[in-house]
C-alpha cells in the first residue's frame, strides 16, 4: 500500500510536469554506467583544477525554466564544502541534489529521489559521505560516550548510529572515517534493497545506486565497494 501511494504520488508529479514539458530539455538517455562515468570525469576535472568550459548560462537558464532533465541524483551532506555541483563539475540542471547534515535517508529524501528517478529520469544515485563529517562525529559521541545533543540534532544523528555499531566491529584505526564510509554504504544498501518506488527501475537495470566518499583534502570522490 505504501509503495502504491508513492507511485501514485510520482505519477501526479508526472502529470504536473508534462504540461510544462514543451521546449524543455530532453529527458536523460544516459545509461547508469554512462551517468556514473560522467560524474567521475567531472570530479577528475575538479581535482585537476581544470578550467570549466565557457557556457551560455542565459540560454540554458531560459531552457531550464521550462523543465529539467538531470542525469544523476546525489544524496549528500549539507556541509558547505561538499556541494555536488562543484565536486562533479556539473552545470545548471544536470544533477538533482538531496542534502541534509550527515547525508542520511529520511522519508522526504526518499520521495525526492523517487521523483528524480521516475519523473525526471536520473539513472544513477550516489549516497555521498565526506571526510571529517561533523554529524557522523556527533553520532560516535552519542553512541560511545552517551553524549546528548540539543534541539533537533539527536534526530539528525539517530540514523547514523547503526553505522557506528557496524564500523566498531571492524576495530578500525580511524573510527570516524570508517563510520562515514559505512554510513554511505548502509544508505546505498537501503536504497537498493528496501521496497520503494525506486525498486522497478533498479530491478530493470535503469537505475544504479552507489556509495561514495569525498576526500576534503584531495578533492577526490571514490566509489565505495558495496
C-alpha atoms as a PDB file:
ATOM      1  CA  UNK A   1       0.000   0.000   0.000  1.00  0.00           C
ATOM      2  CA  UNK A   2       2.790   2.399   0.908  1.00  0.00           C
ATOM      3  CA  UNK A   3       4.611   1.701  -2.352  1.00  0.00           C
ATOM      4  CA  UNK A   4       1.367   2.234  -4.299  1.00  0.00           C
ATOM      5  CA  UNK A   5       0.880   5.624  -2.679  1.00  0.00           C
ATOM      6  CA  UNK A   6       4.436   6.608  -3.614  1.00  0.00           C
ATOM      7  CA  UNK A   7       3.923   5.505  -7.198  1.00  0.00           C
ATOM      8  CA  UNK A   8       0.660   7.448  -7.373  1.00  0.00           C
ATOM      9  CA  UNK A   9       2.461  10.495  -5.972  1.00  0.00           C
ATOM     10  CA  UNK A  10       5.172  10.173  -8.616  1.00  0.00           C
ATOM     11  CA  UNK A  11       2.526   9.900 -11.329  1.00  0.00           C
ATOM     12  CA  UNK A  12       0.879  13.057 -10.042  1.00  0.00           C
ATOM     13  CA  UNK A  13       4.232  14.834 -10.341  1.00  0.00           C
ATOM     14  CA  UNK A  14       4.484  13.408 -13.858  1.00  0.00           C
ATOM     15  CA  UNK A  15       1.148  14.873 -14.873  1.00  0.00           C
ATOM     16  CA  UNK A  16       2.089  18.267 -13.446  1.00  0.00           C
ATOM     17  CA  UNK A  17       5.430  18.455 -15.206  1.00  0.00           C
ATOM     18  CA  UNK A  18       4.141  17.106 -18.533  1.00  0.00           C
ATOM     19  CA  UNK A  19       2.191  20.294 -19.079  1.00  0.00           C
ATOM     20  CA  UNK A  20       5.445  22.234 -18.789  1.00  0.00           C
ATOM     21  CA  UNK A  21       7.494  19.916 -20.973  1.00  0.00           C
ATOM     22  CA  UNK A  22       7.231  21.726 -24.331  1.00  0.00           C
ATOM     23  CA  UNK A  23      10.658  23.049 -25.350  1.00  0.00           C
ATOM     24  CA  UNK A  24      12.153  21.698 -22.099  1.00  0.00           C
ATOM     25  CA  UNK A  25      15.476  19.806 -22.107  1.00  0.00           C
ATOM     26  CA  UNK A  26      15.170  16.256 -23.456  1.00  0.00           C
ATOM     27  CA  UNK A  27      14.795  13.511 -20.834  1.00  0.00           C
ATOM     28  CA  UNK A  28      18.057  11.872 -19.803  1.00  0.00           C
ATOM     29  CA  UNK A  29      19.061   8.998 -22.100  1.00  0.00           C
ATOM     30  CA  UNK A  30      22.383   8.081 -20.456  1.00  0.00           C
ATOM     31  CA  UNK A  31      22.726   4.574 -19.084  1.00  0.00           C
ATOM     32  CA  UNK A  32      23.643   4.153 -15.408  1.00  0.00           C
ATOM     33  CA  UNK A  33      27.243   3.386 -16.365  1.00  0.00           C
ATOM     34  CA  UNK A  34      27.440   6.437 -18.626  1.00  0.00           C
ATOM     35  CA  UNK A  35      25.969   8.688 -15.939  1.00  0.00           C
ATOM     36  CA  UNK A  36      28.437   7.407 -13.354  1.00  0.00           C
ATOM     37  CA  UNK A  37      31.340   7.867 -15.766  1.00  0.00           C
ATOM     38  CA  UNK A  38      30.213  11.429 -16.462  1.00  0.00           C
ATOM     39  CA  UNK A  39      30.151  12.227 -12.743  1.00  0.00           C
ATOM     40  CA  UNK A  40      33.575  10.749 -12.153  1.00  0.00           C
ATOM     41  CA  UNK A  41      35.070  12.528 -15.155  1.00  0.00           C
ATOM     42  CA  UNK A  42      33.701  15.765 -13.742  1.00  0.00           C
ATOM     43  CA  UNK A  43      35.351  15.019 -10.417  1.00  0.00           C
ATOM     44  CA  UNK A  44      38.668  14.322 -12.171  1.00  0.00           C
ATOM     45  CA  UNK A  45      38.451  17.786 -13.728  1.00  0.00           C
ATOM     46  CA  UNK A  46      37.657  19.237 -10.291  1.00  0.00           C
ATOM     47  CA  UNK A  47      40.678  17.524  -8.718  1.00  0.00           C
ATOM     48  CA  UNK A  48      42.937  18.690 -11.554  1.00  0.00           C
ATOM     49  CA  UNK A  49      41.514  22.219 -11.226  1.00  0.00           C
ATOM     50  CA  UNK A  50      40.894  22.167 -14.962  1.00  0.00           C
ATOM     51  CA  UNK A  51      39.112  25.292 -16.191  1.00  0.00           C
ATOM     52  CA  UNK A  52      35.405  24.896 -16.762  1.00  0.00           C
ATOM     53  CA  UNK A  53      34.347  25.343 -20.389  1.00  0.00           C
ATOM     54  CA  UNK A  54      32.567  28.612 -21.099  1.00  0.00           C
ATOM     55  CA  UNK A  55      28.794  28.318 -21.108  1.00  0.00           C
ATOM     56  CA  UNK A  56      25.833  30.298 -22.325  1.00  0.00           C
ATOM     57  CA  UNK A  57      24.103  30.368 -18.951  1.00  0.00           C
ATOM     58  CA  UNK A  58      21.403  32.781 -20.034  1.00  0.00           C
ATOM     59  CA  UNK A  59      20.221  30.421 -22.784  1.00  0.00           C
ATOM     60  CA  UNK A  60      20.443  27.384 -20.514  1.00  0.00           C
ATOM     61  CA  UNK A  61      18.607  29.167 -17.728  1.00  0.00           C
ATOM     62  CA  UNK A  62      15.751  30.004 -20.072  1.00  0.00           C
ATOM     63  CA  UNK A  63      15.550  26.383 -21.264  1.00  0.00           C
ATOM     64  CA  UNK A  64      15.555  25.050 -17.714  1.00  0.00           C
ATOM     65  CA  UNK A  65      12.751  27.405 -16.752  1.00  0.00           C
ATOM     66  CA  UNK A  66      10.528  25.098 -18.856  1.00  0.00           C
ATOM     67  CA  UNK A  67      11.693  21.849 -17.238  1.00  0.00           C
ATOM     68  CA  UNK A  68      14.662  19.811 -16.056  1.00  0.00           C
ATOM     69  CA  UNK A  69      16.368  16.587 -17.126  1.00  0.00           C
ATOM     70  CA  UNK A  70      19.178  15.738 -14.676  1.00  0.00           C
ATOM     71  CA  UNK A  71      21.200  12.600 -15.352  1.00  0.00           C
ATOM     72  CA  UNK A  72      22.200  11.858 -11.739  1.00  0.00           C
ATOM     73  CA  UNK A  73      20.984  12.376  -8.190  1.00  0.00           C
ATOM     74  CA  UNK A  74      23.193  12.893  -5.144  1.00  0.00           C
ATOM     75  CA  UNK A  75      22.134  12.200  -1.564  1.00  0.00           C
ATOM     76  CA  UNK A  76      24.774  14.242   0.214  1.00  0.00           C
ATOM     77  CA  UNK A  77      25.643  16.182   3.333  1.00  0.00           C
ATOM     78  CA  UNK A  78      24.595  19.801   3.851  1.00  0.00           C
ATOM     79  CA  UNK A  79      28.226  20.670   4.656  1.00  0.00           C
ATOM     80  CA  UNK A  80      29.103  23.842   2.749  1.00  0.00           C
ATOM     81  CA  UNK A  81      32.340  22.263   1.480  1.00  0.00           C
ATOM     82  CA  UNK A  82      30.613  19.428  -0.357  1.00  0.00           C
ATOM     83  CA  UNK A  83      28.326  20.982  -2.976  1.00  0.00           C
ATOM     84  CA  UNK A  84      27.840  18.193  -5.568  1.00  0.00           C
ATOM     85  CA  UNK A  85      27.608  20.607  -8.487  1.00  0.00           C
ATOM     86  CA  UNK A  86      31.147  21.764  -7.685  1.00  0.00           C
ATOM     87  CA  UNK A  87      32.636  18.340  -6.873  1.00  0.00           C
ATOM     88  CA  UNK A  88      31.353  16.855 -10.137  1.00  0.00           C
ATOM     89  CA  UNK A  89      31.776  19.984 -12.281  1.00  0.00           C
ATOM     90  CA  UNK A  90      28.084  19.929 -13.144  1.00  0.00           C
ATOM     91  CA  UNK A  91      26.187  22.876 -14.520  1.00  0.00           C
ATOM     92  CA  UNK A  92      22.585  24.015 -14.114  1.00  0.00           C
ATOM     93  CA  UNK A  93      20.049  21.212 -14.469  1.00  0.00           C
ATOM     94  CA  UNK A  94      22.494  18.284 -14.601  1.00  0.00           C
ATOM     95  CA  UNK A  95      22.452  16.979 -11.024  1.00  0.00           C
ATOM     96  CA  UNK A  96      19.458  16.567  -8.715  1.00  0.00           C
ATOM     97  CA  UNK A  97      20.630  17.053  -5.127  1.00  0.00           C
ATOM     98  CA  UNK A  98      19.127  15.982  -1.798  1.00  0.00           C
ATOM     99  CA  UNK A  99      21.197  17.325   1.098  1.00  0.00           C
ATOM    100  CA  UNK A 100      20.956  17.034   4.871  1.00  0.00           C
ATOM    101  CA  UNK A 101      23.565  17.027   7.637  1.00  0.00           C
ATOM    102  CA  UNK A 102      25.010  13.523   7.768  1.00  0.00           C
ATOM    103  CA  UNK A 103      23.644  12.522   4.326  1.00  0.00           C
ATOM    104  CA  UNK A 104      21.007  10.281   5.943  1.00  0.00           C
ATOM    105  CA  UNK A 105      17.946   8.938   4.175  1.00  0.00           C
ATOM    106  CA  UNK A 106      14.672  10.265   5.561  1.00  0.00           C
ATOM    107  CA  UNK A 107      11.219   9.726   4.065  1.00  0.00           C
ATOM    108  CA  UNK A 108      11.136  13.079   2.305  1.00  0.00           C
ATOM    109  CA  UNK A 109      14.590  12.443   0.863  1.00  0.00           C
ATOM    110  CA  UNK A 110      13.466   9.045  -0.430  1.00  0.00           C
ATOM    111  CA  UNK A 111      10.420  10.646  -2.012  1.00  0.00           C
ATOM    112  CA  UNK A 112      12.634  13.244  -3.660  1.00  0.00           C
ATOM    113  CA  UNK A 113      14.858  10.519  -5.121  1.00  0.00           C
ATOM    114  CA  UNK A 114      11.808   8.597  -6.323  1.00  0.00           C
ATOM    115  CA  UNK A 115      10.636  11.745  -8.107  1.00  0.00           C
ATOM    116  CA  UNK A 116      14.079  12.284  -9.628  1.00  0.00           C
ATOM    117  CA  UNK A 117      14.106   8.713 -10.933  1.00  0.00           C
ATOM    118  CA  UNK A 118      10.541   8.101 -12.071  1.00  0.00           C
ATOM    119  CA  UNK A 119       9.660  11.583 -13.309  1.00  0.00           C
ATOM    120  CA  UNK A 120      12.942  13.250 -14.260  1.00  0.00           C
ATOM    121  CA  UNK A 121      14.791  10.151 -15.456  1.00  0.00           C
ATOM    122  CA  UNK A 122      18.038  10.087 -13.476  1.00  0.00           C
ATOM    123  CA  UNK A 123      19.895   6.815 -13.999  1.00  0.00           C
ATOM    124  CA  UNK A 124      22.336   6.872 -11.081  1.00  0.00           C
ATOM    125  CA  UNK A 125      22.003   7.802  -7.402  1.00  0.00           C
ATOM    126  CA  UNK A 126      25.081   8.403  -5.241  1.00  0.00           C
ATOM    127  CA  UNK A 127      24.951   8.241  -1.435  1.00  0.00           C
ATOM    128  CA  UNK A 128      27.886  10.564  -0.753  1.00  0.00           C
ATOM    129  CA  UNK A 129      29.718  10.733   2.576  1.00  0.00           C
ATOM    130  CA  UNK A 130      32.683  13.001   3.189  1.00  0.00           C
ATOM    131  CA  UNK A 131      35.852  13.252   5.235  1.00  0.00           C
ATOM    132  CA  UNK A 132      35.550  14.775   8.741  1.00  0.00           C
ATOM    133  CA  UNK A 133      31.747  14.796   8.726  1.00  0.00           C
ATOM    134  CA  UNK A 134      30.588  16.589  11.882  1.00  0.00           C
ATOM    135  CA  UNK A 135      27.249  14.774  12.030  1.00  0.00           C
ATOM    136  CA  UNK A 136      28.977  11.386  11.988  1.00  0.00           C
ATOM    137  CA  UNK A 137      31.428  12.570  14.647  1.00  0.00           C
ATOM    138  CA  UNK A 138      28.494  13.602  16.816  1.00  0.00           C
ATOM    139  CA  UNK A 139      26.840  10.209  16.296  1.00  0.00           C
ATOM    140  CA  UNK A 140      30.004   8.490  17.531  1.00  0.00           C
ATOM    141  CA  UNK A 141      29.969  10.660  20.663  1.00  0.00           C
ATOM    142  CA  UNK A 142      26.315   9.789  21.280  1.00  0.00           C
ATOM    143  CA  UNK A 143      26.882   6.061  20.744  1.00  0.00           C
ATOM    144  CA  UNK A 144      30.151   5.654  22.627  1.00  0.00           C
ATOM    145  CA  UNK A 145      30.169   8.454  25.221  1.00  0.00           C
ATOM    146  CA  UNK A 146      26.480   8.903  25.912  1.00  0.00           C
ATOM    147  CA  UNK A 147      26.502  12.494  24.671  1.00  0.00           C
ATOM    148  CA  UNK A 148      23.210  14.364  24.467  1.00  0.00           C
ATOM    149  CA  UNK A 149      22.690  16.883  21.707  1.00  0.00           C
ATOM    150  CA  UNK A 150      20.442  19.955  21.886  1.00  0.00           C
ATOM    151  CA  UNK A 151      17.315  20.674  19.888  1.00  0.00           C
ATOM    152  CA  UNK A 152      16.668  18.525  16.840  1.00  0.00           C
ATOM    153  CA  UNK A 153      20.264  17.360  16.491  1.00  0.00           C
ATOM    154  CA  UNK A 154      19.517  13.991  18.066  1.00  0.00           C
ATOM    155  CA  UNK A 155      17.092  13.286  15.224  1.00  0.00           C
ATOM    156  CA  UNK A 156      19.881  14.100  12.753  1.00  0.00           C
ATOM    157  CA  UNK A 157      22.363  11.611  14.239  1.00  0.00           C
ATOM    158  CA  UNK A 158      19.983   8.749  15.065  1.00  0.00           C
ATOM    159  CA  UNK A 159      20.043   7.276  11.515  1.00  0.00           C
ATOM    160  CA  UNK A 160      23.855   7.208  11.704  1.00  0.00           C
ATOM    161  CA  UNK A 161      24.026   5.099  14.892  1.00  0.00           C
ATOM    162  CA  UNK A 162      23.757   1.707  13.096  1.00  0.00           C
ATOM    163  CA  UNK A 163      26.835   2.662  11.057  1.00  0.00           C
ATOM    164  CA  UNK A 164      28.727   3.437  14.274  1.00  0.00           C
ATOM    165  CA  UNK A 165      27.991  -0.045  15.630  1.00  0.00           C
ATOM    166  CA  UNK A 166      28.821  -1.742  12.336  1.00  0.00           C
ATOM    167  CA  UNK A 167      32.096   0.159  11.908  1.00  0.00           C
ATOM    168  CA  UNK A 168      33.161  -0.572  15.506  1.00  0.00           C
ATOM    169  CA  UNK A 169      33.017  -4.319  14.820  1.00  0.00           C
ATOM    170  CA  UNK A 170      35.989  -3.906  12.497  1.00  0.00           C
ATOM    171  CA  UNK A 171      38.093  -2.222  15.208  1.00  0.00           C
ATOM    172  CA  UNK A 172      39.276   0.457  12.751  1.00  0.00           C
ATOM    173  CA  UNK A 173      42.303   2.660  13.276  1.00  0.00           C
ATOM    174  CA  UNK A 174      40.246   5.689  12.226  1.00  0.00           C
ATOM    175  CA  UNK A 175      36.762   5.254  13.673  1.00  0.00           C
ATOM    176  CA  UNK A 176      35.393   8.465  12.188  1.00  0.00           C
ATOM    177  CA  UNK A 177      36.480   7.638   8.654  1.00  0.00           C
ATOM    178  CA  UNK A 178      35.276   4.042   8.941  1.00  0.00           C
ATOM    179  CA  UNK A 179      31.851   5.176  10.169  1.00  0.00           C
ATOM    180  CA  UNK A 180      31.482   7.784   7.429  1.00  0.00           C
ATOM    181  CA  UNK A 181      32.126   5.135   4.776  1.00  0.00           C
ATOM    182  CA  UNK A 182      29.923   2.572   6.497  1.00  0.00           C
ATOM    183  CA  UNK A 183      27.048   5.045   6.735  1.00  0.00           C
ATOM    184  CA  UNK A 184      27.274   5.770   3.000  1.00  0.00           C
ATOM    185  CA  UNK A 185      27.319   2.021   2.266  1.00  0.00           C
ATOM    186  CA  UNK A 186      24.332   1.293   4.521  1.00  0.00           C
ATOM    187  CA  UNK A 187      22.387   4.167   2.987  1.00  0.00           C
ATOM    188  CA  UNK A 188      23.063   2.940  -0.542  1.00  0.00           C
ATOM    189  CA  UNK A 189      22.141  -0.599   0.521  1.00  0.00           C
ATOM    190  CA  UNK A 190      18.860   0.665   1.943  1.00  0.00           C
ATOM    191  CA  UNK A 191      18.067   2.475  -1.296  1.00  0.00           C
ATOM    192  CA  UNK A 192      18.801  -0.678  -3.295  1.00  0.00           C
ATOM    193  CA  UNK A 193      17.122  -3.252  -1.049  1.00  0.00           C
ATOM    194  CA  UNK A 194      14.219  -1.504   0.675  1.00  0.00           C
ATOM    195  CA  UNK A 195      10.983  -1.801  -1.331  1.00  0.00           C
ATOM    196  CA  UNK A 196      10.126   1.627  -2.732  1.00  0.00           C
ATOM    197  CA  UNK A 197       9.170   3.365  -5.940  1.00  0.00           C
ATOM    198  CA  UNK A 198      12.845   3.022  -6.919  1.00  0.00           C
ATOM    199  CA  UNK A 199      12.620  -0.774  -6.941  1.00  0.00           C
ATOM    200  CA  UNK A 200      11.273  -1.257 -10.504  1.00  0.00           C
ATOM    201  CA  UNK A 201      13.991   0.940 -12.023  1.00  0.00           C
ATOM    202  CA  UNK A 202      16.691  -0.863 -10.021  1.00  0.00           C
ATOM    203  CA  UNK A 203      15.316  -4.291 -10.973  1.00  0.00           C
ATOM    204  CA  UNK A 204      15.208  -3.388 -14.671  1.00  0.00           C
ATOM    205  CA  UNK A 205      18.749  -2.015 -14.668  1.00  0.00           C
ATOM    206  CA  UNK A 206      17.587   1.511 -15.495  1.00  0.00           C
ATOM    207  CA  UNK A 207      18.857   2.818 -12.144  1.00  0.00           C
ATOM    208  CA  UNK A 208      22.146   2.229 -10.343  1.00  0.00           C
ATOM    209  CA  UNK A 209      22.776   3.136  -6.697  1.00  0.00           C
ATOM    210  CA  UNK A 210      26.321   3.584  -5.381  1.00  0.00           C
ATOM    211  CA  UNK A 211      28.003   4.720  -2.169  1.00  0.00           C
ATOM    212  CA  UNK A 212      30.889   7.168  -2.401  1.00  0.00           C
ATOM    213  CA  UNK A 213      33.350   9.073  -0.214  1.00  0.00           C
ATOM    214  CA  UNK A 214      34.642  12.614  -0.744  1.00  0.00           C
ATOM    215  CA  UNK A 215      38.178  13.434   0.422  1.00  0.00           C
ATOM    216  CA  UNK A 216      38.186  17.068   1.574  1.00  0.00           C
ATOM    217  CA  UNK A 217      41.963  17.356   1.316  1.00  0.00           C
ATOM    218  CA  UNK A 218      42.409  15.935  -2.169  1.00  0.00           C
ATOM    219  CA  UNK A 219      39.025  16.804  -3.661  1.00  0.00           C
ATOM    220  CA  UNK A 220      38.614  13.247  -4.899  1.00  0.00           C
ATOM    221  CA  UNK A 221      35.362  11.247  -4.874  1.00  0.00           C
ATOM    222  CA  UNK A 222      35.857   7.481  -4.572  1.00  0.00           C
ATOM    223  CA  UNK A 223      33.159   4.894  -5.234  1.00  0.00           C
ATOM    224  CA  UNK A 224      32.963   2.513  -2.265  1.00  0.00           C
ATOM    225  CA  UNK A 225      32.627  -1.249  -2.524  1.00  0.00           C
ATOM    226  CA  UNK A 226      29.179  -2.494  -1.519  1.00  0.00           C
END
